[in-house]
Structures are given as C-alpha cells and as structure tokens.
PDB file of N, CA and C in Angstrom:
ATOM      1  N   MET A   1     102.561  84.628  82.529  1.00  0.00           N
ATOM      2  CA  MET A   1     101.233  85.501  81.935  1.00  0.00           C
ATOM      3  C   MET A   1     101.361  86.443  82.082  1.00  0.00           C
ATOM      4  N   PRO A   2     100.529  87.559  81.049  1.00  0.00           N
ATOM      5  CA  PRO A   2     100.233  89.361  81.786  1.00  0.00           C
ATOM      6  C   PRO A   2      99.224  89.160  82.725  1.00  0.00           C
ATOM      7  N   VAL A   3      99.483  90.172  83.775  1.00  0.00           N
ATOM      8  CA  VAL A   3      98.476  90.660  84.226  1.00  0.00           C
ATOM      9  C   VAL A   3      97.180  90.954  83.500  1.00  0.00           C
ATOM     10  N   ARG A   4      96.190  91.735  83.772  1.00  0.00           N
ATOM     11  CA  ARG A   4      95.130  92.735  83.472  1.00  0.00           C
ATOM     12  C   ARG A   4      94.392  93.463  84.639  1.00  0.00           C
ATOM     13  N   TYR A   5      94.308  95.280  84.200  1.00  0.00           N
ATOM     14  CA  TYR A   5      93.846  95.566  85.263  1.00  0.00           C
ATOM     15  C   TYR A   5      92.304  96.062  84.530  1.00  0.00           C
ATOM     16  N   LEU A   6      91.774  95.704  85.684  1.00  0.00           N
ATOM     17  CA  LEU A   6      90.064  96.348  85.071  1.00  0.00           C
ATOM     18  C   LEU A   6      89.491  97.137  86.088  1.00  0.00           C
ATOM     19  N   CYS A   7      88.965  98.003  85.660  1.00  0.00           N
ATOM     20  CA  CYS A   7      88.065  98.838  86.646  1.00  0.00           C
ATOM     21  C   CYS A   7      86.744  98.154  87.471  1.00  0.00           C
ATOM     22  N   ARG A   8      87.099  98.204  88.685  1.00  0.00           N
ATOM     23  CA  ARG A   8      85.897  97.462  89.566  1.00  0.00           C
ATOM     24  C   ARG A   8      84.162  97.722  89.478  1.00  0.00           C
ATOM     25  N   HIS A   9      84.960  98.867  89.056  1.00  0.00           N
ATOM     26  CA  HIS A   9      83.370  99.870  88.827  1.00  0.00           C
ATOM     27  C   HIS A   9      82.465  99.486  87.239  1.00  0.00           C
ATOM     28  N   CYS A  10      82.795 100.359  86.538  1.00  0.00           N
ATOM     29  CA  CYS A  10      82.891 100.227  85.149  1.00  0.00           C
ATOM     30  C   CYS A  10      83.337  99.515  83.951  1.00  0.00           C
ATOM     31  N   LYS A  11      84.039  98.454  84.904  1.00  0.00           N
ATOM     32  CA  LYS A  11      84.717  97.264  84.224  1.00  0.00           C
ATOM     33  C   LYS A  11      85.862  97.489  82.638  1.00  0.00           C
ATOM     34  N   VAL A  12      86.395  98.398  82.545  1.00  0.00           N
ATOM     35  CA  VAL A  12      86.826  99.543  81.406  1.00  0.00           C
ATOM     36  C   VAL A  12      88.276  98.837  81.963  1.00  0.00           C
ATOM     37  N   GLU A  13      89.000  98.247  80.835  1.00  0.00           N
ATOM     38  CA  GLU A  13      90.034  97.620  81.083  1.00  0.00           C
ATOM     39  C   GLU A  13      91.438  98.741  81.609  1.00  0.00           C
ATOM     40  N   ILE A  14      92.103  99.103  81.727  1.00  0.00           N
ATOM     41  CA  ILE A  14      93.010 100.018  82.691  1.00  0.00           C
ATOM     42  C   ILE A  14      94.514  99.537  81.591  1.00  0.00           C
ATOM     43  N   GLY A  15      94.714  98.276  81.709  1.00  0.00           N
ATOM     44  CA  GLY A  15      96.271  98.182  80.777  1.00  0.00           C
ATOM     45  C   GLY A  15      96.606  96.782  81.665  1.00  0.00           C
ATOM     46  N   THR A  16      97.647  96.078  80.769  1.00  0.00           N
ATOM     47  CA  THR A  16      98.198  95.300  81.546  1.00  0.00           C
ATOM     48  C   THR A  16      99.668  94.757  81.914  1.00  0.00           C
ATOM     49  N   LEU A  17      99.922  94.196  82.064  1.00  0.00           N
ATOM     50  CA  LEU A  17     100.755  94.096  82.728  1.00  0.00           C
ATOM     51  C   LEU A  17     102.157  92.781  82.230  1.00  0.00           C
ATOM     52  N   PRO A  18     103.277  93.120  81.729  1.00  0.00           N
ATOM     53  CA  PRO A  18     103.598  91.485  81.165  1.00  0.00           C
ATOM     54  C   PRO A  18     104.329  90.890  82.314  1.00  0.00           C
ATOM     55  N   PHE A  19     104.142  90.705  83.618  1.00  0.00           N
ATOM     56  CA  PHE A  19     105.105  90.107  84.639  1.00  0.00           C
ATOM     57  C   PHE A  19     103.898  89.057  85.158  1.00  0.00           C
ATOM     58  N   GLU A  20     104.973  88.517  85.535  1.00  0.00           N
ATOM     59  CA  GLU A  20     104.261  87.090  86.253  1.00  0.00           C
ATOM     60  C   GLU A  20     103.382  87.560  87.278  1.00  0.00           C
ATOM     61  N   ALA A  21     102.260  86.978  87.531  1.00  0.00           N
ATOM     62  CA  ALA A  21     100.781  87.186  88.280  1.00  0.00           C
ATOM     63  C   ALA A  21     101.784  87.412  89.562  1.00  0.00           C
ATOM     64  N   GLU A  22     102.477  86.406  90.238  1.00  0.00           N
ATOM     65  CA  GLU A  22     102.679  86.070  91.788  1.00  0.00           C
ATOM     66  C   GLU A  22     103.427  86.980  92.010  1.00  0.00           C
ATOM     67  N   GLU A  23     104.708  87.972  91.466  1.00  0.00           N
ATOM     68  CA  GLU A  23     104.787  88.912  91.726  1.00  0.00           C
ATOM     69  C   GLU A  23     104.618  89.530  91.757  1.00  0.00           C
ATOM     70  N   THR A  24     103.449  89.969  90.549  1.00  0.00           N
ATOM     71  CA  THR A  24     102.872  91.841  90.695  1.00  0.00           C
ATOM     72  C   THR A  24     102.258  91.182  91.767  1.00  0.00           C
ATOM     73  N   ILE A  25     101.665  90.709  92.582  1.00  0.00           N
ATOM     74  CA  ILE A  25     100.772  90.405  93.620  1.00  0.00           C
ATOM     75  C   ILE A  25     101.663  90.640  94.599  1.00  0.00           C
ATOM     76  N   GLN A  26     102.654  90.249  94.786  1.00  0.00           N
ATOM     77  CA  GLN A  26     103.595  90.778  96.405  1.00  0.00           C
ATOM     78  C   GLN A  26     104.268  91.679  95.749  1.00  0.00           C
ATOM     79  N   LYS A  27     103.817  92.128  94.872  1.00  0.00           N
ATOM     80  CA  LYS A  27     104.614  94.308  95.082  1.00  0.00           C
ATOM     81  C   LYS A  27     103.704  94.939  95.501  1.00  0.00           C
ATOM     82  N   LEU A  28     102.619  94.375  95.085  1.00  0.00           N
ATOM     83  CA  LEU A  28     101.239  94.967  95.407  1.00  0.00           C
ATOM     84  C   LEU A  28     100.690  95.042  97.287  1.00  0.00           C
ATOM     85  N   HIS A  29     101.326  93.836  97.499  1.00  0.00           N
ATOM     86  CA  HIS A  29     101.417  93.603  99.142  1.00  0.00           C
ATOM     87  C   HIS A  29     100.037  93.856  99.929  1.00  0.00           C
ATOM     88  N   LEU A  30      99.114  92.920  98.560  1.00  0.00           N
ATOM     89  CA  LEU A  30      97.745  92.678  98.901  1.00  0.00           C
ATOM     90  C   LEU A  30      97.506  91.701  99.788  1.00  0.00           C
ATOM     91  N   PHE A  31      98.257  90.722 100.182  1.00  0.00           N
ATOM     92  CA  PHE A  31      98.408  89.927 101.395  1.00  0.00           C
ATOM     93  C   PHE A  31      98.382  90.234 102.611  1.00  0.00           C
ATOM     94  N   GLU A  32      99.122  91.185 102.529  1.00  0.00           N
ATOM     95  CA  GLU A  32      99.422  92.010 104.321  1.00  0.00           C
ATOM     96  C   GLU A  32      98.152  92.468 104.630  1.00  0.00           C
ATOM     97  N   ILE A  33      97.423  93.201 103.992  1.00  0.00           N
ATOM     98  CA  ILE A  33      96.448  93.894 104.621  1.00  0.00           C
ATOM     99  C   ILE A  33      95.074  93.182 104.497  1.00  0.00           C
ATOM    100  N   GLY A  34      94.694  91.783 104.310  1.00  0.00           N
ATOM    101  CA  GLY A  34      94.086  90.296 103.917  1.00  0.00           C
ATOM    102  C   GLY A  34      92.922  91.125 103.041  1.00  0.00           C
ATOM    103  N   GLU A  35      93.247  91.901 101.691  1.00  0.00           N
ATOM    104  CA  GLU A  35      91.927  91.761 100.588  1.00  0.00           C
ATOM    105  C   GLU A  35      92.178  91.095  99.564  1.00  0.00           C
ATOM    106  N   ILE A  36      93.034  90.316  99.647  1.00  0.00           N
ATOM    107  CA  ILE A  36      93.192  89.772  98.154  1.00  0.00           C
ATOM    108  C   ILE A  36      92.020  89.349  97.047  1.00  0.00           C
ATOM    109  N   ASP A  37      91.741  88.904  97.768  1.00  0.00           N
ATOM    110  CA  ASP A  37      90.091  88.181  97.239  1.00  0.00           C
ATOM    111  C   ASP A  37      88.970  89.346  96.712  1.00  0.00           C
ATOM    112  N   ASP A  38      89.402  90.335  97.151  1.00  0.00           N
ATOM    113  CA  ASP A  38      88.304  91.696  96.658  1.00  0.00           C
ATOM    114  C   ASP A  38      88.905  91.863  95.633  1.00  0.00           C
ATOM    115  N   TYR A  39      90.061  92.065  95.714  1.00  0.00           N
ATOM    116  CA  TYR A  39      91.014  92.360  93.868  1.00  0.00           C
ATOM    117  C   TYR A  39      91.365  91.703  93.320  1.00  0.00           C
ATOM    118  N   LEU A  40      91.146  90.085  93.194  1.00  0.00           N
ATOM    119  CA  LEU A  40      92.125  89.048  92.346  1.00  0.00           C
ATOM    120  C   LEU A  40      91.441  88.074  91.483  1.00  0.00           C
ATOM    121  N   GLU A  41      91.330  88.295  90.424  1.00  0.00           N
ATOM    122  CA  GLU A  41      90.762  86.743  90.061  1.00  0.00           C
ATOM    123  C   GLU A  41      90.704  85.745  89.218  1.00  0.00           C
ATOM    124  N   LYS A  42      91.180  84.858  89.719  1.00  0.00           N
ATOM    125  CA  LYS A  42      92.312  84.132  88.664  1.00  0.00           C
ATOM    126  C   LYS A  42      90.851  83.305  87.696  1.00  0.00           C
ATOM    127  N   ASN A  43      90.718  83.023  86.624  1.00  0.00           N
ATOM    128  CA  ASN A  43      90.036  82.078  85.575  1.00  0.00           C
ATOM    129  C   ASN A  43      90.622  80.883  85.557  1.00  0.00           C
ATOM    130  N   GLU A  44      89.724  79.929  84.902  1.00  0.00           N
ATOM    131  CA  GLU A  44      90.247  78.911  84.737  1.00  0.00           C
ATOM    132  C   GLU A  44      91.746  78.071  84.025  1.00  0.00           C
ATOM    133  N   ARG A  45      91.576  79.518  83.001  1.00  0.00           N
ATOM    134  CA  ARG A  45      92.649  79.390  82.376  1.00  0.00           C
ATOM    135  C   ARG A  45      93.943  79.480  82.970  1.00  0.00           C
ATOM    136  N   GLY A  46      93.975  80.057  84.238  1.00  0.00           N
ATOM    137  CA  GLY A  46      95.298  81.036  85.339  1.00  0.00           C
ATOM    138  C   GLY A  46      95.708  82.135  84.749  1.00  0.00           C
ATOM    139  N   GLU A  47      94.891  82.938  84.034  1.00  0.00           N
ATOM    140  CA  GLU A  47      94.880  84.223  83.946  1.00  0.00           C
ATOM    141  C   GLU A  47      94.363  84.936  84.774  1.00  0.00           C
ATOM    142  N   THR A  48      95.096  85.998  84.748  1.00  0.00           N
ATOM    143  CA  THR A  48      94.832  87.123  86.861  1.00  0.00           C
ATOM    144  C   THR A  48      94.025  88.255  86.325  1.00  0.00           C
ATOM    145  N   THR A  49      93.281  88.701  87.154  1.00  0.00           N
ATOM    146  CA  THR A  49      92.686  89.834  86.626  1.00  0.00           C
ATOM    147  C   THR A  49      93.088  90.892  88.412  1.00  0.00           C
ATOM    148  N   ILE A  50      93.250  92.133  87.791  1.00  0.00           N
ATOM    149  CA  ILE A  50      93.335  92.917  89.287  1.00  0.00           C
ATOM    150  C   ILE A  50      92.102  93.832  88.808  1.00  0.00           C
ATOM    151  N   HIS A  51      91.307  93.840  89.723  1.00  0.00           N
ATOM    152  CA  HIS A  51      90.202  94.921  89.968  1.00  0.00           C
ATOM    153  C   HIS A  51      90.501  96.442  90.939  1.00  0.00           C
ATOM    154  N   SER A  52      91.125  97.320  90.138  1.00  0.00           N
ATOM    155  CA  SER A  52      90.807  98.511  90.690  1.00  0.00           C
ATOM    156  C   SER A  52      90.181  99.382  90.002  1.00  0.00           C
ATOM    157  N   ILE A  53      90.811 100.608  90.088  1.00  0.00           N
ATOM    158  CA  ILE A  53      89.415 101.903  89.873  1.00  0.00           C
ATOM    159  C   ILE A  53      90.212 102.921  88.627  1.00  0.00           C
ATOM    160  N   CYS A  54      89.584 103.135  88.073  1.00  0.00           N
ATOM    161  CA  CYS A  54      90.127 104.124  86.459  1.00  0.00           C
ATOM    162  C   CYS A  54      90.235 105.674  87.219  1.00  0.00           C
ATOM    163  N   GLU A  55      90.802 106.137  86.481  1.00  0.00           N
ATOM    164  CA  GLU A  55      90.806 107.777  86.371  1.00  0.00           C
ATOM    165  C   GLU A  55      89.194 108.269  86.622  1.00  0.00           C
ATOM    166  N   HIS A  56      88.185 108.000  85.774  1.00  0.00           N
ATOM    167  CA  HIS A  56      87.104 108.344  85.757  1.00  0.00           C
ATOM    168  C   HIS A  56      86.044 108.030  87.177  1.00  0.00           C
ATOM    169  N   CYS A  57      86.433 107.530  87.334  1.00  0.00           N
ATOM    170  CA  CYS A  57      85.767 106.618  88.584  1.00  0.00           C
ATOM    171  C   CYS A  57      86.489 107.090  90.201  1.00  0.00           C
ATOM    172  N   GLU A  58      87.487 106.952  89.714  1.00  0.00           N
ATOM    173  CA  GLU A  58      88.328 107.716  91.115  1.00  0.00           C
ATOM    174  C   GLU A  58      87.046 109.282  91.282  1.00  0.00           C
ATOM    175  N   ASP A  59      88.140 109.887  90.023  1.00  0.00           N
ATOM    176  CA  ASP A  59      86.838 111.359  89.785  1.00  0.00           C
ATOM    177  C   ASP A  59      85.601 111.504  90.381  1.00  0.00           C
ATOM    178  N   SER A  60      84.653 110.329  89.862  1.00  0.00           N
ATOM    179  CA  SER A  60      83.456 110.536  90.297  1.00  0.00           C
ATOM    180  C   SER A  60      83.370 110.463  91.931  1.00  0.00           C
ATOM    181  N   LEU A  61      83.302 109.495  92.032  1.00  0.00           N
ATOM    182  CA  LEU A  61      84.088 109.202  94.143  1.00  0.00           C
ATOM    183  C   LEU A  61      84.619 110.068  94.977  1.00  0.00           C
ATOM    184  N   ARG A  62      85.659 111.029  94.525  1.00  0.00           N
ATOM    185  CA  ARG A  62      85.889 112.548  94.969  1.00  0.00           C
ATOM    186  C   ARG A  62      84.901 113.392  94.911  1.00  0.00           C
ATOM    187  N   GLN A  63      83.806 113.680  93.726  1.00  0.00           N
ATOM    188  CA  GLN A  63      82.924 114.482  93.689  1.00  0.00           C
ATOM    189  C   GLN A  63      81.937 113.812  93.959  1.00  0.00           C
ATOM    190  N   PHE A  64      80.990 112.559  94.580  1.00  0.00           N
ATOM    191  CA  PHE A  64      80.500 112.474  95.491  1.00  0.00           C
ATOM    192  C   PHE A  64      80.914 111.215  96.105  1.00  0.00           C
ATOM    193  N   PRO A  65      81.442 111.609  97.491  1.00  0.00           N
ATOM    194  CA  PRO A  65      81.658 110.266  98.579  1.00  0.00           C
ATOM    195  C   PRO A  65      80.639 109.938  99.152  1.00  0.00           C
ATOM    196  N   ASP A  66      79.387 109.791  98.444  1.00  0.00           N
ATOM    197  CA  ASP A  66      78.005 108.624  99.152  1.00  0.00           C
ATOM    198  C   ASP A  66      78.080 107.857  98.573  1.00  0.00           C
ATOM    199  N   TYR A  67      78.985 107.275  96.958  1.00  0.00           N
ATOM    200  CA  TYR A  67      78.672 107.073  96.095  1.00  0.00           C
ATOM    201  C   TYR A  67      79.787 105.637  97.066  1.00  0.00           C
ATOM    202  N   TYR A  68      80.745 105.912  97.743  1.00  0.00           N
ATOM    203  CA  TYR A  68      81.108 104.545  98.501  1.00  0.00           C
ATOM    204  C   TYR A  68      80.395 103.986  99.374  1.00  0.00           C
ATOM    205  N   ALA A  69      79.565 104.160  99.345  1.00  0.00           N
ATOM    206  CA  ALA A  69      78.338 103.131 100.325  1.00  0.00           C
ATOM    207  C   ALA A  69      77.326 102.887  99.649  1.00  0.00           C
ATOM    208  N   LEU A  70      77.021 102.535  97.933  1.00  0.00           N
ATOM    209  CA  LEU A  70      76.565 102.374  96.736  1.00  0.00           C
ATOM    210  C   LEU A  70      77.564 101.094  96.427  1.00  0.00           C
ATOM    211  N   LYS A  71      76.891  99.151  96.725  1.00  0.00           N
ATOM    212  CA  LYS A  71      77.567  98.180  95.630  1.00  0.00           C
ATOM    213  C   LYS A  71      77.712  98.659  94.806  1.00  0.00           C
ATOM    214  N   LYS A  72      76.634  99.278  94.034  1.00  0.00           N
ATOM    215  CA  LYS A  72      77.182  99.307  92.422  1.00  0.00           C
ATOM    216  C   LYS A  72      76.168 100.605  92.364  1.00  0.00           C
ATOM    217  N   TRP A  73      77.066 101.531  91.730  1.00  0.00           N
ATOM    218  CA  TRP A  73      76.839 102.964  91.485  1.00  0.00           C
ATOM    219  C   TRP A  73      77.150 103.242  90.104  1.00  0.00           C
ATOM    220  N   LEU A  74      77.024 102.685  88.931  1.00  0.00           N
ATOM    221  CA  LEU A  74      77.212 102.733  87.678  1.00  0.00           C
ATOM    222  C   LEU A  74      76.272 102.081  86.999  1.00  0.00           C
ATOM    223  N   GLN A  75      75.067 102.832  86.596  1.00  0.00           N
ATOM    224  CA  GLN A  75      74.551 101.229  85.715  1.00  0.00           C
ATOM    225  C   GLN A  75      74.735 101.194  84.506  1.00  0.00           C
TER     226      GLN A  75
END
C-alpha cells in the first residue's frame, strides 16, 4: 500500500510513495529518535500517512521562527 505525505501545518498533500509502509518508516529512522507517533498516522483501512512539512511552510518558518512556538499558526 502506498504511503502518503501530508504537510502537518497546512494539510496539503506533498506526495505519495509506492513503497510498503514498514520499509519507508525504517528508512526514515523515526524509531531511533522516538518521535514516530508525532509523524505517523495509520487509519482503520491500514493506510499510512506521514506528516512532514511542505516547502511553503518551511519557508514561512524560516522567515518567522516565532511560529515554532505556536501549536497552530495557519488559520
């Protein structure tokens, strides 16, 4: 089943990879840093979504670093 990537800030779909979920997760090394629950979501159908950051939101955070302190900075 493919793995979807969504921006965790603006919810825009960044892309999809045709890899199996477990293989992708292992490549990301999220298990090592203990943050997998913050970035990984599996629904009842077994689909996997990884929450990342899109280029637009990354640029905004670079310009306005105070946004990091806000839980939700996009309305």
